[in-house]
Amino acid sequence: VIGQERAALEMPLVALQEAEIAFPRGTVDPEYVFKHVTMREAAYNTLVQKRRKELHLQTARAMASLYPSDEYAPLIA
């Protein structure tokens, strides 16, 4: 979600909450988590491999820009 306006994310996140699929955790910069691990796994497994790789790369780049220390290098790898 890096680079996206918060307003663009609000409606989809509200829809996930209303459907009781995902919920915010934290208050300042909330992190959204799935209600059940099986829901998370089902959502992840519906991604085709090419799209999954794209999302992994975007996530790694975002983490590297947000957390430049070596502490996150193993997770990014």
PDB file of N, CA and C in Angstrom:
ATOM      1  N   VAL A   1       0.812  -1.203   0.000  1.00  0.00           N
ATOM      2  CA  VAL A   1       0.000   0.000   0.000  1.00  0.00           C
ATOM      3  C   VAL A   1       0.850   1.259   0.000  1.00  0.00           C
ATOM      4  N   ILE A   2       2.169   1.067   0.008  1.00  0.00           N
ATOM      5  CA  ILE A   2       3.042   2.227   0.015  1.00  0.00           C
ATOM      6  C   ILE A   2       2.808   3.041  -1.254  1.00  0.00           C
ATOM      7  N   GLY A   3       2.768   4.328  -1.133  1.00  0.00           N
ATOM      8  CA  GLY A   3       2.571   5.186  -2.282  1.00  0.00           C
ATOM      9  C   GLY A   3       1.109   5.441  -2.610  1.00  0.00           C
ATOM     10  N   GLN A   4       0.195   4.817  -1.910  1.00  0.00           N
ATOM     11  CA  GLN A   4      -1.224   5.034  -2.147  1.00  0.00           C
ATOM     12  C   GLN A   4      -1.768   5.991  -1.095  1.00  0.00           C
ATOM     13  N   GLU A   5      -2.734   6.766  -1.508  1.00  0.00           N
ATOM     14  CA  GLU A   5      -3.378   7.687  -0.581  1.00  0.00           C
ATOM     15  C   GLU A   5      -4.231   6.906   0.409  1.00  0.00           C
ATOM     16  N   ARG A   6      -4.237   7.372   1.644  1.00  0.00           N
ATOM     17  CA  ARG A   6      -5.055   6.715   2.673  1.00  0.00           C
ATOM     18  C   ARG A   6      -6.523   6.664   2.283  1.00  0.00           C
ATOM     19  N   ALA A   7      -7.004   7.713   1.645  1.00  0.00           N
ATOM     20  CA  ALA A   7      -8.412   7.780   1.259  1.00  0.00           C
ATOM     21  C   ALA A   7      -8.767   6.664   0.279  1.00  0.00           C
ATOM     22  N   ALA A   8      -7.845   6.298  -0.595  1.00  0.00           N
ATOM     23  CA  ALA A   8      -8.097   5.234  -1.570  1.00  0.00           C
ATOM     24  C   ALA A   8      -8.189   3.868  -0.900  1.00  0.00           C
ATOM     25  N   LEU A   9      -7.585   3.732   0.257  1.00  0.00           N
ATOM     26  CA  LEU A   9      -7.584   2.463   0.972  1.00  0.00           C
ATOM     27  C   LEU A   9      -8.755   2.334   1.939  1.00  0.00           C
ATOM     28  N   GLU A  10      -9.345   3.450   2.288  1.00  0.00           N
ATOM     29  CA  GLU A  10     -10.366   3.439   3.334  1.00  0.00           C
ATOM     30  C   GLU A  10     -11.568   2.557   2.990  1.00  0.00           C
ATOM     31  N   MET A  11     -12.140   2.716   1.819  1.00  0.00           N
ATOM     32  CA  MET A  11     -13.345   1.947   1.466  1.00  0.00           C
ATOM     33  C   MET A  11     -13.085   0.439   1.434  1.00  0.00           C
ATOM     34  N   PRO A  12     -12.008  -0.020   0.786  1.00  0.00           N
ATOM     35  CA  PRO A  12     -11.763  -1.467   0.808  1.00  0.00           C
ATOM     36  C   PRO A  12     -11.517  -2.012   2.211  1.00  0.00           C
ATOM     37  N   LEU A  13     -10.833  -1.247   3.054  1.00  0.00           N
ATOM     38  CA  LEU A  13     -10.576  -1.712   4.413  1.00  0.00           C
ATOM     39  C   LEU A  13     -11.852  -1.745   5.249  1.00  0.00           C
ATOM     40  N   VAL A  14     -12.710  -0.759   5.059  1.00  0.00           N
ATOM     41  CA  VAL A  14     -13.999  -0.752   5.760  1.00  0.00           C
ATOM     42  C   VAL A  14     -14.828  -1.951   5.315  1.00  0.00           C
ATOM     43  N   ALA A  15     -14.812  -2.247   4.015  1.00  0.00           N
ATOM     44  CA  ALA A  15     -15.566  -3.398   3.500  1.00  0.00           C
ATOM     45  C   ALA A  15     -15.055  -4.702   4.115  1.00  0.00           C
ATOM     46  N   LEU A  16     -13.744  -4.836   4.275  1.00  0.00           N
ATOM     47  CA  LEU A  16     -13.187  -6.037   4.913  1.00  0.00           C
ATOM     48  C   LEU A  16     -13.616  -6.143   6.368  1.00  0.00           C
ATOM     49  N   GLN A  17     -13.676  -5.018   7.058  1.00  0.00           N
ATOM     50  CA  GLN A  17     -14.116  -5.021   8.453  1.00  0.00           C
ATOM     51  C   GLN A  17     -15.597  -5.373   8.557  1.00  0.00           C
ATOM     52  N   GLU A  18     -16.413  -4.778   7.687  1.00  0.00           N
ATOM     53  CA  GLU A  18     -17.845  -5.048   7.719  1.00  0.00           C
ATOM     54  C   GLU A  18     -18.154  -6.509   7.402  1.00  0.00           C
ATOM     55  N   ALA A  19     -17.337  -7.108   6.547  1.00  0.00           N
ATOM     56  CA  ALA A  19     -17.515  -8.522   6.206  1.00  0.00           C
ATOM     57  C   ALA A  19     -16.874  -9.427   7.253  1.00  0.00           C
ATOM     58  N   GLU A  20     -16.259  -8.822   8.264  1.00  0.00           N
ATOM     59  CA  GLU A  20     -15.566  -9.546   9.343  1.00  0.00           C
ATOM     60  C   GLU A  20     -14.474 -10.462   8.804  1.00  0.00           C
ATOM     61  N   ILE A  21     -13.721  -9.924   7.851  1.00  0.00           N
ATOM     62  CA  ILE A  21     -12.612 -10.669   7.257  1.00  0.00           C
ATOM     63  C   ILE A  21     -11.287 -10.201   7.851  1.00  0.00           C
ATOM     64  N   ALA A  22     -11.114  -8.884   7.985  1.00  0.00           N
ATOM     65  CA  ALA A  22      -9.870  -8.324   8.511  1.00  0.00           C
ATOM     66  C   ALA A  22     -10.193  -7.158   9.431  1.00  0.00           C
ATOM     67  N   PHE A  23      -9.289  -6.918  10.370  1.00  0.00           N
ATOM     68  CA  PHE A  23      -9.493  -5.883  11.367  1.00  0.00           C
ATOM     69  C   PHE A  23      -8.191  -5.137  11.626  1.00  0.00           C
ATOM     70  N   PRO A  24      -8.300  -3.836  12.014  1.00  0.00           N
ATOM     71  CA  PRO A  24      -7.088  -3.085  12.326  1.00  0.00           C
ATOM     72  C   PRO A  24      -6.518  -3.498  13.683  1.00  0.00           C
ATOM     73  N   ARG A  25      -5.211  -3.481  13.748  1.00  0.00           N
ATOM     74  CA  ARG A  25      -4.515  -3.728  15.014  1.00  0.00           C
ATOM     75  C   ARG A  25      -3.557  -2.554  15.177  1.00  0.00           C
ATOM     76  N   GLY A  26      -3.665  -1.869  16.274  1.00  0.00           N
ATOM     77  CA  GLY A  26      -2.871  -0.666  16.501  1.00  0.00           C
ATOM     78  C   GLY A  26      -3.718   0.560  16.237  1.00  0.00           C
ATOM     79  N   THR A  27      -3.221   1.729  16.643  1.00  0.00           N
ATOM     80  CA  THR A  27      -4.016   2.946  16.495  1.00  0.00           C
ATOM     81  C   THR A  27      -3.334   4.005  15.644  1.00  0.00           C
ATOM     82  N   VAL A  28      -2.067   4.256  15.837  1.00  0.00           N
ATOM     83  CA  VAL A  28      -1.391   5.321  15.098  1.00  0.00           C
ATOM     84  C   VAL A  28      -1.263   4.948  13.626  1.00  0.00           C
ATOM     85  N   ASP A  29      -0.587   3.886  13.332  1.00  0.00           N
ATOM     86  CA  ASP A  29      -0.478   3.333  11.983  1.00  0.00           C
ATOM     87  C   ASP A  29      -1.034   1.919  12.049  1.00  0.00           C
ATOM     88  N   PRO A  30      -2.340   1.770  11.895  1.00  0.00           N
ATOM     89  CA  PRO A  30      -2.922   0.434  12.073  1.00  0.00           C
ATOM     90  C   PRO A  30      -2.413  -0.574  11.056  1.00  0.00           C
ATOM     91  N   GLU A  31      -2.281  -1.764  11.520  1.00  0.00           N
ATOM     92  CA  GLU A  31      -1.906  -2.901  10.689  1.00  0.00           C
ATOM     93  C   GLU A  31      -3.166  -3.752  10.611  1.00  0.00           C
ATOM     94  N   TYR A  32      -3.548  -4.144   9.423  1.00  0.00           N
ATOM     95  CA  TYR A  32      -4.753  -4.946   9.282  1.00  0.00           C
ATOM     96  C   TYR A  32      -4.391  -6.425   9.269  1.00  0.00           C
ATOM     97  N   VAL A  33      -5.140  -7.184  10.037  1.00  0.00           N
ATOM     98  CA  VAL A  33      -4.897  -8.616  10.151  1.00  0.00           C
ATOM     99  C   VAL A  33      -6.190  -9.364   9.827  1.00  0.00           C
ATOM    100  N   PHE A  34      -6.024 -10.551   9.271  1.00  0.00           N
ATOM    101  CA  PHE A  34      -7.182 -11.384   8.979  1.00  0.00           C
ATOM    102  C   PHE A  34      -7.760 -11.932  10.274  1.00  0.00           C
ATOM    103  N   LYS A  35      -9.062 -12.138  10.265  1.00  0.00           N
ATOM    104  CA  LYS A  35      -9.742 -12.672  11.443  1.00  0.00           C
ATOM    105  C   LYS A  35      -9.271 -14.095  11.728  1.00  0.00           C
ATOM    106  N   HIS A  36      -9.094 -14.881  10.686  1.00  0.00           N
ATOM    107  CA  HIS A  36      -8.646 -16.267  10.840  1.00  0.00           C
ATOM    108  C   HIS A  36      -7.478 -16.540   9.905  1.00  0.00           C
ATOM    109  N   VAL A  37      -6.573 -17.365  10.347  1.00  0.00           N
ATOM    110  CA  VAL A  37      -5.428 -17.757   9.522  1.00  0.00           C
ATOM    111  C   VAL A  37      -5.893 -18.419   8.237  1.00  0.00           C
ATOM    112  N   THR A  38      -6.956 -19.199   8.318  1.00  0.00           N
ATOM    113  CA  THR A  38      -7.444 -19.888   7.114  1.00  0.00           C
ATOM    114  C   THR A  38      -7.933 -18.892   6.064  1.00  0.00           C
ATOM    115  N   MET A  39      -8.493 -17.757   6.481  1.00  0.00           N
ATOM    116  CA  MET A  39      -8.898 -16.724   5.528  1.00  0.00           C
ATOM    117  C   MET A  39      -7.676 -16.124   4.850  1.00  0.00           C
ATOM    118  N   ARG A  40      -6.645 -15.875   5.627  1.00  0.00           N
ATOM    119  CA  ARG A  40      -5.409 -15.332   5.070  1.00  0.00           C
ATOM    120  C   ARG A  40      -4.814 -16.299   4.067  1.00  0.00           C
ATOM    121  N   GLU A  41      -4.758 -17.561   4.416  1.00  0.00           N
ATOM    122  CA  GLU A  41      -4.200 -18.573   3.521  1.00  0.00           C
ATOM    123  C   GLU A  41      -5.022 -18.712   2.249  1.00  0.00           C
ATOM    124  N   ALA A  42      -6.347 -18.667   2.374  1.00  0.00           N
ATOM    125  CA  ALA A  42      -7.212 -18.768   1.197  1.00  0.00           C
ATOM    126  C   ALA A  42      -6.989 -17.581   0.268  1.00  0.00           C
ATOM    127  N   ALA A  43      -6.909 -16.386   0.827  1.00  0.00           N
ATOM    128  CA  ALA A  43      -6.671 -15.193   0.006  1.00  0.00           C
ATOM    129  C   ALA A  43      -5.312 -15.285  -0.685  1.00  0.00           C
ATOM    130  N   TYR A  44      -4.300 -15.702   0.038  1.00  0.00           N
ATOM    131  CA  TYR A  44      -2.951 -15.822  -0.518  1.00  0.00           C
ATOM    132  C   TYR A  44      -2.910 -16.872  -1.628  1.00  0.00           C
ATOM    133  N   ASN A  45      -3.574 -17.982  -1.414  1.00  0.00           N
ATOM    134  CA  ASN A  45      -3.535 -19.072  -2.383  1.00  0.00           C
ATOM    135  C   ASN A  45      -4.351 -18.789  -3.642  1.00  0.00           C
ATOM    136  N   THR A  46      -5.207 -17.763  -3.621  1.00  0.00           N
ATOM    137  CA  THR A  46      -5.954 -17.422  -4.828  1.00  0.00           C
ATOM    138  C   THR A  46      -5.122 -16.571  -5.785  1.00  0.00           C
ATOM    139  N   LEU A  47      -4.000 -16.051  -5.315  1.00  0.00           N
ATOM    140  CA  LEU A  47      -3.141 -15.253  -6.182  1.00  0.00           C
ATOM    141  C   LEU A  47      -2.386 -16.163  -7.148  1.00  0.00           C
ATOM    142  N   VAL A  48      -2.374 -15.785  -8.415  1.00  0.00           N
ATOM    143  CA  VAL A  48      -1.559 -16.546  -9.365  1.00  0.00           C
ATOM    144  C   VAL A  48      -0.098 -16.250  -9.058  1.00  0.00           C
ATOM    145  N   GLN A  49       0.774 -17.180  -9.415  1.00  0.00           N
ATOM    146  CA  GLN A  49       2.176 -17.081  -9.010  1.00  0.00           C
ATOM    147  C   GLN A  49       2.833 -15.789  -9.500  1.00  0.00           C
ATOM    148  N   LYS A  50       2.530 -15.354 -10.719  1.00  0.00           N
ATOM    149  CA  LYS A  50       3.137 -14.130 -11.240  1.00  0.00           C
ATOM    150  C   LYS A  50       2.757 -12.930 -10.371  1.00  0.00           C
ATOM    151  N   ARG A  51       1.494 -12.814 -10.010  1.00  0.00           N
ATOM    152  CA  ARG A  51       1.033 -11.700  -9.180  1.00  0.00           C
ATOM    153  C   ARG A  51       1.631 -11.778  -7.783  1.00  0.00           C
ATOM    154  N   ARG A  52       1.740 -12.985  -7.260  1.00  0.00           N
ATOM    155  CA  ARG A  52       2.328 -13.185  -5.935  1.00  0.00           C
ATOM    156  C   ARG A  52       3.776 -12.700  -5.925  1.00  0.00           C
ATOM    157  N   LYS A  53       4.530 -13.028  -6.974  1.00  0.00           N
ATOM    158  CA  LYS A  53       5.927 -12.587  -7.064  1.00  0.00           C
ATOM    159  C   LYS A  53       6.019 -11.064  -7.138  1.00  0.00           C
ATOM    160  N   GLU A  54       5.113 -10.448  -7.907  1.00  0.00           N
ATOM    161  CA  GLU A  54       5.089  -8.986  -7.993  1.00  0.00           C
ATOM    162  C   GLU A  54       4.835  -8.364  -6.629  1.00  0.00           C
ATOM    163  N   LEU A  55       3.876  -8.906  -5.909  1.00  0.00           N
ATOM    164  CA  LEU A  55       3.552  -8.378  -4.581  1.00  0.00           C
ATOM    165  C   LEU A  55       4.690  -8.591  -3.593  1.00  0.00           C
ATOM    166  N   HIS A  56       5.359  -9.732  -3.683  1.00  0.00           N
ATOM    167  CA  HIS A  56       6.512  -9.983  -2.805  1.00  0.00           C
ATOM    168  C   HIS A  56       7.617  -8.970  -3.077  1.00  0.00           C
ATOM    169  N   LEU A  57       7.868  -8.688  -4.354  1.00  0.00           N
ATOM    170  CA  LEU A  57       8.907  -7.724  -4.708  1.00  0.00           C
ATOM    171  C   LEU A  57       8.542  -6.329  -4.204  1.00  0.00           C
ATOM    172  N   GLN A  58       7.296  -5.914  -4.406  1.00  0.00           N
ATOM    173  CA  GLN A  58       6.854  -4.609  -3.913  1.00  0.00           C
ATOM    174  C   GLN A  58       6.976  -4.515  -2.399  1.00  0.00           C
ATOM    175  N   THR A  59       6.635  -5.587  -1.722  1.00  0.00           N
ATOM    176  CA  THR A  59       6.725  -5.615  -0.262  1.00  0.00           C
ATOM    177  C   THR A  59       8.178  -5.515   0.196  1.00  0.00           C
ATOM    178  N   ALA A  60       9.058  -6.258  -0.456  1.00  0.00           N
ATOM    179  CA  ALA A  60      10.481  -6.205  -0.101  1.00  0.00           C
ATOM    180  C   ALA A  60      11.047  -4.808  -0.319  1.00  0.00           C
ATOM    181  N   ARG A  61      10.694  -4.182  -1.420  1.00  0.00           N
ATOM    182  CA  ARG A  61      11.180  -2.819  -1.694  1.00  0.00           C
ATOM    183  C   ARG A  61      10.640  -1.825  -0.664  1.00  0.00           C
ATOM    184  N   ALA A  62       9.375  -1.961  -0.308  1.00  0.00           N
ATOM    185  CA  ALA A  62       8.791  -1.064   0.685  1.00  0.00           C
ATOM    186  C   ALA A  62       9.469  -1.244   2.036  1.00  0.00           C
ATOM    187  N   MET A  63       9.696  -2.490   2.421  1.00  0.00           N
ATOM    188  CA  MET A  63      10.360  -2.754   3.708  1.00  0.00           C
ATOM    189  C   MET A  63      11.772  -2.194   3.704  1.00  0.00           C
ATOM    190  N   ALA A  64      12.486  -2.349   2.603  1.00  0.00           N
ATOM    191  CA  ALA A  64      13.855  -1.841   2.516  1.00  0.00           C
ATOM    192  C   ALA A  64      13.887  -0.322   2.615  1.00  0.00           C
ATOM    193  N   SER A  65      12.872   0.342   2.060  1.00  0.00           N
ATOM    194  CA  SER A  65      12.850   1.802   2.145  1.00  0.00           C
ATOM    195  C   SER A  65      12.400   2.291   3.517  1.00  0.00           C
ATOM    196  N   LEU A  66      11.509   1.547   4.154  1.00  0.00           N
ATOM    197  CA  LEU A  66      11.013   1.949   5.470  1.00  0.00           C
ATOM    198  C   LEU A  66      11.973   1.577   6.590  1.00  0.00           C
ATOM    199  N   TYR A  67      12.638   0.447   6.442  1.00  0.00           N
ATOM    200  CA  TYR A  67      13.519  -0.081   7.485  1.00  0.00           C
ATOM    201  C   TYR A  67      14.880  -0.390   6.875  1.00  0.00           C
ATOM    202  N   PRO A  68      15.716   0.634   6.662  1.00  0.00           N
ATOM    203  CA  PRO A  68      16.977   0.422   5.963  1.00  0.00           C
ATOM    204  C   PRO A  68      18.050  -0.331   6.744  1.00  0.00           C
ATOM    205  N   SER A  69      17.823  -0.600   8.014  1.00  0.00           N
ATOM    206  CA  SER A  69      18.852  -1.299   8.787  1.00  0.00           C
ATOM    207  C   SER A  69      18.949  -2.764   8.386  1.00  0.00           C
ATOM    208  N   ASP A  70      20.053  -3.379   8.732  1.00  0.00           N
ATOM    209  CA  ASP A  70      20.281  -4.785   8.413  1.00  0.00           C
ATOM    210  C   ASP A  70      19.369  -5.715   9.206  1.00  0.00           C
ATOM    211  N   GLU A  71      18.699  -5.178  10.201  1.00  0.00           N
ATOM    212  CA  GLU A  71      17.833  -5.998  11.061  1.00  0.00           C
ATOM    213  C   GLU A  71      16.750  -6.719  10.249  1.00  0.00           C
ATOM    214  N   TYR A  72      16.257  -6.107   9.189  1.00  0.00           N
ATOM    215  CA  TYR A  72      15.184  -6.675   8.401  1.00  0.00           C
ATOM    216  C   TYR A  72      15.672  -7.422   7.161  1.00  0.00           C
ATOM    217  N   ALA A  73      16.975  -7.450   6.945  1.00  0.00           N
ATOM    218  CA  ALA A  73      17.523  -8.107   5.748  1.00  0.00           C
ATOM    219  C   ALA A  73      17.074  -9.561   5.611  1.00  0.00           C
ATOM    220  N   PRO A  74      17.101 -10.382   6.661  1.00  0.00           N
ATOM    221  CA  PRO A  74      16.645 -11.768   6.496  1.00  0.00           C
ATOM    222  C   PRO A  74      15.182 -11.864   6.098  1.00  0.00           C
ATOM    223  N   LEU A  75      14.339 -11.008   6.643  1.00  0.00           N
ATOM    224  CA  LEU A  75      12.918 -11.030   6.305  1.00  0.00           C
ATOM    225  C   LEU A  75      12.704 -10.575   4.870  1.00  0.00           C
ATOM    226  N   ILE A  76      13.431  -9.556   4.436  1.00  0.00           N
ATOM    227  CA  ILE A  76      13.315  -9.064   3.060  1.00  0.00           C
ATOM    228  C   ILE A  76      13.783 -10.122   2.079  1.00  0.00           C
ATOM    229  N   ALA A  77      14.843 -10.822   2.434  1.00  0.00           N
ATOM    230  CA  ALA A  77      15.370 -11.868   1.539  1.00  0.00           C
ATOM    231  C   ALA A  77      14.360 -12.959   1.376  1.00  0.00           C
TER     232      ALA A  77
END
